[in-house]
PDB file of N, CA and C in Angstrom:
ATOM      1  N   MET A   1      91.963 107.835 104.909  1.00  0.00           N
ATOM      2  CA  MET A   1      93.417 107.991 104.820  1.00  0.00           C
ATOM      3  C   MET A   1      94.123 106.680 105.153  1.00  0.00           C
ATOM      4  N   SER A   2      93.441 105.566 104.993  1.00  0.00           N
ATOM      5  CA  SER A   2      94.040 104.278 105.336  1.00  0.00           C
ATOM      6  C   SER A   2      95.126 103.844 104.355  1.00  0.00           C
ATOM      7  N   ALA A   3      95.108 104.314 103.096  1.00  0.00           N
ATOM      8  CA  ALA A   3      96.112 103.928 102.103  1.00  0.00           C
ATOM      9  C   ALA A   3      97.345 104.826 102.154  1.00  0.00           C
ATOM     10  N   ILE A   4      97.367 105.773 103.041  1.00  0.00           N
ATOM     11  CA  ILE A   4      98.474 106.723 103.162  1.00  0.00           C
ATOM     12  C   ILE A   4      99.676 106.050 103.820  1.00  0.00           C
ATOM     13  N   VAL A   5     100.873 106.367 103.350  1.00  0.00           N
ATOM     14  CA  VAL A   5     102.109 105.855 103.955  1.00  0.00           C
ATOM     15  C   VAL A   5     102.573 106.854 105.002  1.00  0.00           C
ATOM     16  N   TRP A   6     102.568 106.434 106.253  1.00  0.00           N
ATOM     17  CA  TRP A   6     102.987 107.284 107.371  1.00  0.00           C
ATOM     18  C   TRP A   6     104.421 106.959 107.746  1.00  0.00           C
ATOM     19  N   ARG A   7     105.161 107.976 108.175  1.00  0.00           N
ATOM     20  CA  ARG A   7     106.530 107.741 108.679  1.00  0.00           C
ATOM     21  C   ARG A   7     106.712 108.529 109.960  1.00  0.00           C
ATOM     22  N   LYS A   8     107.448 107.933 110.858  1.00  0.00           N
ATOM     23  CA  LYS A   8     107.667 108.571 112.152  1.00  0.00           C
ATOM     24  C   LYS A   8     108.604 109.762 111.985  1.00  0.00           C
ATOM     25  N   ALA A   9     108.274 110.851 112.633  1.00  0.00           N
ATOM     26  CA  ALA A   9     109.112 112.046 112.569  1.00  0.00           C
ATOM     27  C   ALA A   9     110.497 111.738 113.133  1.00  0.00           C
ATOM     28  N   SER A  10     111.512 112.359 112.580  1.00  0.00           N
ATOM     29  CA  SER A  10     112.894 112.047 112.957  1.00  0.00           C
ATOM     30  C   SER A  10     113.195 112.342 114.421  1.00  0.00           C
ATOM     31  N   ARG A  11     112.478 113.258 115.041  1.00  0.00           N
ATOM     32  CA  ARG A  11     112.719 113.591 116.455  1.00  0.00           C
ATOM     33  C   ARG A  11     111.925 112.717 117.411  1.00  0.00           C
ATOM     34  N   SER A  12     111.054 111.856 116.899  1.00  0.00           N
ATOM     35  CA  SER A  12     110.280 110.963 117.750  1.00  0.00           C
ATOM     36  C   SER A  12     111.175 109.827 118.219  1.00  0.00           C
ATOM     37  N   ASN A  13     110.816 109.253 119.367  1.00  0.00           N
ATOM     38  CA  ASN A  13     111.594 108.127 119.868  1.00  0.00           C
ATOM     39  C   ASN A  13     110.646 107.083 120.445  1.00  0.00           C
ATOM     40  N   GLU A  14     111.181 105.984 120.872  1.00  0.00           N
ATOM     41  CA  GLU A  14     110.390 104.871 121.390  1.00  0.00           C
ATOM     42  C   GLU A  14     110.138 104.981 122.885  1.00  0.00           C
ATOM     43  N   HIS A  15     110.503 106.074 123.516  1.00  0.00           N
ATOM     44  CA  HIS A  15     110.399 106.212 124.964  1.00  0.00           C
ATOM     45  C   HIS A  15     109.190 107.028 125.395  1.00  0.00           C
ATOM     46  N   GLY A  16     108.174 107.102 124.560  1.00  0.00           N
ATOM     47  CA  GLY A  16     106.987 107.877 124.916  1.00  0.00           C
ATOM     48  C   GLY A  16     107.187 109.345 124.609  1.00  0.00           C
ATOM     49  N   GLY A  17     106.370 110.161 125.188  1.00  0.00           N
ATOM     50  CA  GLY A  17     106.496 111.593 124.951  1.00  0.00           C
ATOM     51  C   GLY A  17     105.864 112.005 123.644  1.00  0.00           C
ATOM     52  N   ALA A  18     106.418 113.012 123.015  1.00  0.00           N
ATOM     53  CA  ALA A  18     105.841 113.612 121.805  1.00  0.00           C
ATOM     54  C   ALA A  18     106.269 112.840 120.566  1.00  0.00           C
ATOM     55  N   CYS A  19     105.484 111.858 120.168  1.00  0.00           N
ATOM     56  CA  CYS A  19     105.792 111.058 118.985  1.00  0.00           C
ATOM     57  C   CYS A  19     104.728 111.308 117.930  1.00  0.00           C
ATOM     58  N   ILE A  20     105.148 111.792 116.786  1.00  0.00           N
ATOM     59  CA  ILE A  20     104.201 112.012 115.700  1.00  0.00           C
ATOM     60  C   ILE A  20     104.655 111.274 114.456  1.00  0.00           C
ATOM     61  N   GLU A  21     103.695 111.049 113.576  1.00  0.00           N
ATOM     62  CA  GLU A  21     103.969 110.506 112.263  1.00  0.00           C
ATOM     63  C   GLU A  21     103.460 111.506 111.238  1.00  0.00           C
ATOM     64  N   VAL A  22     104.135 111.552 110.111  1.00  0.00           N
ATOM     65  CA  VAL A  22     103.735 112.462 109.049  1.00  0.00           C
ATOM     66  C   VAL A  22     103.554 111.664 107.755  1.00  0.00           C
ATOM     67  N   ALA A  23     102.714 112.200 106.870  1.00  0.00           N
ATOM     68  CA  ALA A  23     102.474 111.573 105.568  1.00  0.00           C
ATOM     69  C   ALA A  23     102.448 112.656 104.507  1.00  0.00           C
ATOM     70  N   GLU A  24     103.115 112.391 103.395  1.00  0.00           N
ATOM     71  CA  GLU A  24     103.076 113.321 102.265  1.00  0.00           C
ATOM     72  C   GLU A  24     101.792 113.082 101.491  1.00  0.00           C
ATOM     73  N   LEU A  25     101.023 114.134 101.306  1.00  0.00           N
ATOM     74  CA  LEU A  25      99.774 114.085 100.557  1.00  0.00           C
ATOM     75  C   LEU A  25      99.872 115.070  99.400  1.00  0.00           C
ATOM     76  N   PRO A  26      99.046 114.953  98.398  1.00  0.00           N
ATOM     77  CA  PRO A  26      99.078 115.918  97.295  1.00  0.00           C
ATOM     78  C   PRO A  26      98.794 117.341  97.804  1.00  0.00           C
ATOM     79  N   GLY A  27      99.805 118.173  97.835  1.00  0.00           N
ATOM     80  CA  GLY A  27      99.662 119.558  98.260  1.00  0.00           C
ATOM     81  C   GLY A  27      99.485 119.761  99.743  1.00  0.00           C
ATOM     82  N   ALA A  28      99.666 118.708 100.543  1.00  0.00           N
ATOM     83  CA  ALA A  28      99.438 118.821 101.981  1.00  0.00           C
ATOM     84  C   ALA A  28     100.317 117.837 102.746  1.00  0.00           C
ATOM     85  N   VAL A  29     100.252 117.937 104.067  1.00  0.00           N
ATOM     86  CA  VAL A  29     100.973 117.027 104.952  1.00  0.00           C
ATOM     87  C   VAL A  29      99.987 116.533 106.006  1.00  0.00           C
ATOM     88  N   GLY A  30      99.967 115.221 106.230  1.00  0.00           N
ATOM     89  CA  GLY A  30      99.143 114.644 107.287  1.00  0.00           C
ATOM     90  C   GLY A  30      99.980 114.475 108.537  1.00  0.00           C
ATOM     91  N   VAL A  31      99.363 114.667 109.689  1.00  0.00           N
ATOM     92  CA  VAL A  31     100.045 114.522 110.973  1.00  0.00           C
ATOM     93  C   VAL A  31      99.139 113.720 111.897  1.00  0.00           C
ATOM     94  N   ARG A  32      99.724 112.758 112.623  1.00  0.00           N
ATOM     95  CA  ARG A  32      98.956 111.992 113.607  1.00  0.00           C
ATOM     96  C   ARG A  32      99.861 111.564 114.751  1.00  0.00           C
ATOM     97  N   ASP A  33      99.250 111.168 115.840  1.00  0.00           N
ATOM     98  CA  ASP A  33      99.954 110.669 117.025  1.00  0.00           C
ATOM     99  C   ASP A  33     100.354 109.222 116.749  1.00  0.00           C
ATOM    100  N   SER A  34     101.628 108.917 116.825  1.00  0.00           N
ATOM    101  CA  SER A  34     102.089 107.558 116.521  1.00  0.00           C
ATOM    102  C   SER A  34     101.577 106.538 117.537  1.00  0.00           C
ATOM    103  N   LYS A  35     101.224 106.984 118.733  1.00  0.00           N
ATOM    104  CA  LYS A  35     100.709 106.079 119.746  1.00  0.00           C
ATOM    105  C   LYS A  35      99.215 105.822 119.573  1.00  0.00           C
ATOM    106  N   ASP A  36      98.552 106.584 118.708  1.00  0.00           N
ATOM    107  CA  ASP A  36      97.114 106.449 118.467  1.00  0.00           C
ATOM    108  C   ASP A  36      96.836 106.563 116.966  1.00  0.00           C
ATOM    109  N   PRO A  37      97.327 105.597 116.176  1.00  0.00           N
ATOM    110  CA  PRO A  37      97.212 105.710 114.717  1.00  0.00           C
ATOM    111  C   PRO A  37      95.769 105.727 114.205  1.00  0.00           C
ATOM    112  N   ASP A  38      94.826 105.231 114.984  1.00  0.00           N
ATOM    113  CA  ASP A  38      93.419 105.261 114.569  1.00  0.00           C
ATOM    114  C   ASP A  38      92.695 106.500 115.086  1.00  0.00           C
ATOM    115  N   GLY A  39      93.413 107.344 115.805  1.00  0.00           N
ATOM    116  CA  GLY A  39      92.828 108.560 116.366  1.00  0.00           C
ATOM    117  C   GLY A  39      92.776 109.689 115.352  1.00  0.00           C
ATOM    118  N   PRO A  40      92.596 110.895 115.841  1.00  0.00           N
ATOM    119  CA  PRO A  40      92.490 112.060 114.956  1.00  0.00           C
ATOM    120  C   PRO A  40      93.723 112.248 114.082  1.00  0.00           C
ATOM    121  N   GLN A  41      93.491 112.749 112.892  1.00  0.00           N
ATOM    122  CA  GLN A  41      94.563 113.052 111.948  1.00  0.00           C
ATOM    123  C   GLN A  41      94.373 114.480 111.468  1.00  0.00           C
ATOM    124  N   LEU A  42      95.438 115.212 111.411  1.00  0.00           N
ATOM    125  CA  LEU A  42      95.413 116.609 110.991  1.00  0.00           C
ATOM    126  C   LEU A  42      96.014 116.709 109.594  1.00  0.00           C
ATOM    127  N   VAL A  43      95.381 117.459 108.716  1.00  0.00           N
ATOM    128  CA  VAL A  43      95.915 117.699 107.367  1.00  0.00           C
ATOM    129  C   VAL A  43      96.101 119.202 107.213  1.00  0.00           C
ATOM    130  N   VAL A  44      97.330 119.604 106.889  1.00  0.00           N
ATOM    131  CA  VAL A  44      97.644 121.023 106.712  1.00  0.00           C
ATOM    132  C   VAL A  44      98.374 121.210 105.386  1.00  0.00           C
ATOM    133  N   SER A  45      98.357 122.439 104.881  1.00  0.00           N
ATOM    134  CA  SER A  45      99.086 122.726 103.649  1.00  0.00           C
ATOM    135  C   SER A  45     100.582 122.545 103.893  1.00  0.00           C
ATOM    136  N   ARG A  46     101.317 122.347 102.827  1.00  0.00           N
ATOM    137  CA  ARG A  46     102.775 122.224 102.950  1.00  0.00           C
ATOM    138  C   ARG A  46     103.372 123.503 103.535  1.00  0.00           C
ATOM    139  N   GLU A  47     102.817 124.639 103.141  1.00  0.00           N
ATOM    140  CA  GLU A  47     103.312 125.921 103.652  1.00  0.00           C
ATOM    141  C   GLU A  47     103.093 126.032 105.156  1.00  0.00           C
ATOM    142  N   ALA A  48     101.909 125.653 105.616  1.00  0.00           N
ATOM    143  CA  ALA A  48     101.605 125.712 107.050  1.00  0.00           C
ATOM    144  C   ALA A  48     102.493 124.743 107.819  1.00  0.00           C
ATOM    145  N   PHE A  49     102.717 123.545 107.263  1.00  0.00           N
ATOM    146  CA  PHE A  49     103.579 122.581 107.942  1.00  0.00           C
ATOM    147  C   PHE A  49     105.012 123.099 108.012  1.00  0.00           C
ATOM    148  N   GLY A  50     105.484 123.706 106.934  1.00  0.00           N
ATOM    149  CA  GLY A  50     106.837 124.276 106.933  1.00  0.00           C
ATOM    150  C   GLY A  50     106.984 125.364 107.979  1.00  0.00           C
ATOM    151  N   ALA A  51     105.971 126.218 108.102  1.00  0.00           N
ATOM    152  CA  ALA A  51     106.009 127.279 109.113  1.00  0.00           C
ATOM    153  C   ALA A  51     105.990 126.687 110.512  1.00  0.00           C
ATOM    154  N   LEU A  52     105.174 125.658 110.727  1.00  0.00           N
ATOM    155  CA  LEU A  52     105.124 124.994 112.032  1.00  0.00           C
ATOM    156  C   LEU A  52     106.467 124.362 112.373  1.00  0.00           C
ATOM    157  N   ALA A  53     107.054 123.639 111.427  1.00  0.00           N
ATOM    158  CA  ALA A  53     108.350 122.996 111.664  1.00  0.00           C
ATOM    159  C   ALA A  53     109.429 124.025 111.962  1.00  0.00           C
ATOM    160  N   ALA A  54     109.425 125.143 111.240  1.00  0.00           N
ATOM    161  CA  ALA A  54     110.412 126.192 111.483  1.00  0.00           C
ATOM    162  C   ALA A  54     110.229 126.797 112.876  1.00  0.00           C
ATOM    163  N   ALA A  55     108.986 127.038 113.270  1.00  0.00           N
ATOM    164  CA  ALA A  55     108.720 127.608 114.594  1.00  0.00           C
ATOM    165  C   ALA A  55     109.143 126.638 115.702  1.00  0.00           C
ATOM    166  N   LEU A  56     108.836 125.355 115.521  1.00  0.00           N
ATOM    167  CA  LEU A  56     109.244 124.369 116.518  1.00  0.00           C
ATOM    168  C   LEU A  56     110.759 124.226 116.568  1.00  0.00           C
ATOM    169  N   GLY A  57     111.412 124.310 115.418  1.00  0.00           N
ATOM    170  CA  GLY A  57     112.872 124.252 115.381  1.00  0.00           C
ATOM    171  C   GLY A  57     113.513 125.374 116.173  1.00  0.00           C
ATOM    172  N   ARG A  58     112.917 126.545 116.098  1.00  0.00           N
ATOM    173  CA  ARG A  58     113.440 127.678 116.876  1.00  0.00           C
ATOM    174  C   ARG A  58     113.264 127.451 118.366  1.00  0.00           C
ATOM    175  N   GLN A  59     112.219 126.742 118.772  1.00  0.00           N
ATOM    176  CA  GLN A  59     111.962 126.457 120.180  1.00  0.00           C
ATOM    177  C   GLN A  59     112.978 125.470 120.741  1.00  0.00           C
ATOM    178  N   VAL A  60     113.472 124.563 119.894  1.00  0.00           N
ATOM    179  CA  VAL A  60     114.408 123.525 120.317  1.00  0.00           C
ATOM    180  C   VAL A  60     115.818 124.071 120.477  1.00  0.00           C
ATOM    181  N   GLU A  61     116.173 125.070 119.708  1.00  0.00           N
ATOM    182  CA  GLU A  61     117.553 125.589 119.699  1.00  0.00           C
ATOM    183  C   GLU A  61     117.950 126.177 121.018  1.00  0.00           C
TER     184      GLU A  61
END
């Protein structure tokens, strides 16, 4: 996944804490820790990522 374009999630910040990066893949979404870009990477379906984002959004409200 070295040729993948990663972007920092909009809720991530430069002050540590929960910082993730996401990448658009064909039919899927990649997720990784922005502080450990060479570490583990998770690939989930777009549907699963949408459900995760919606669930996390409800937790923030």
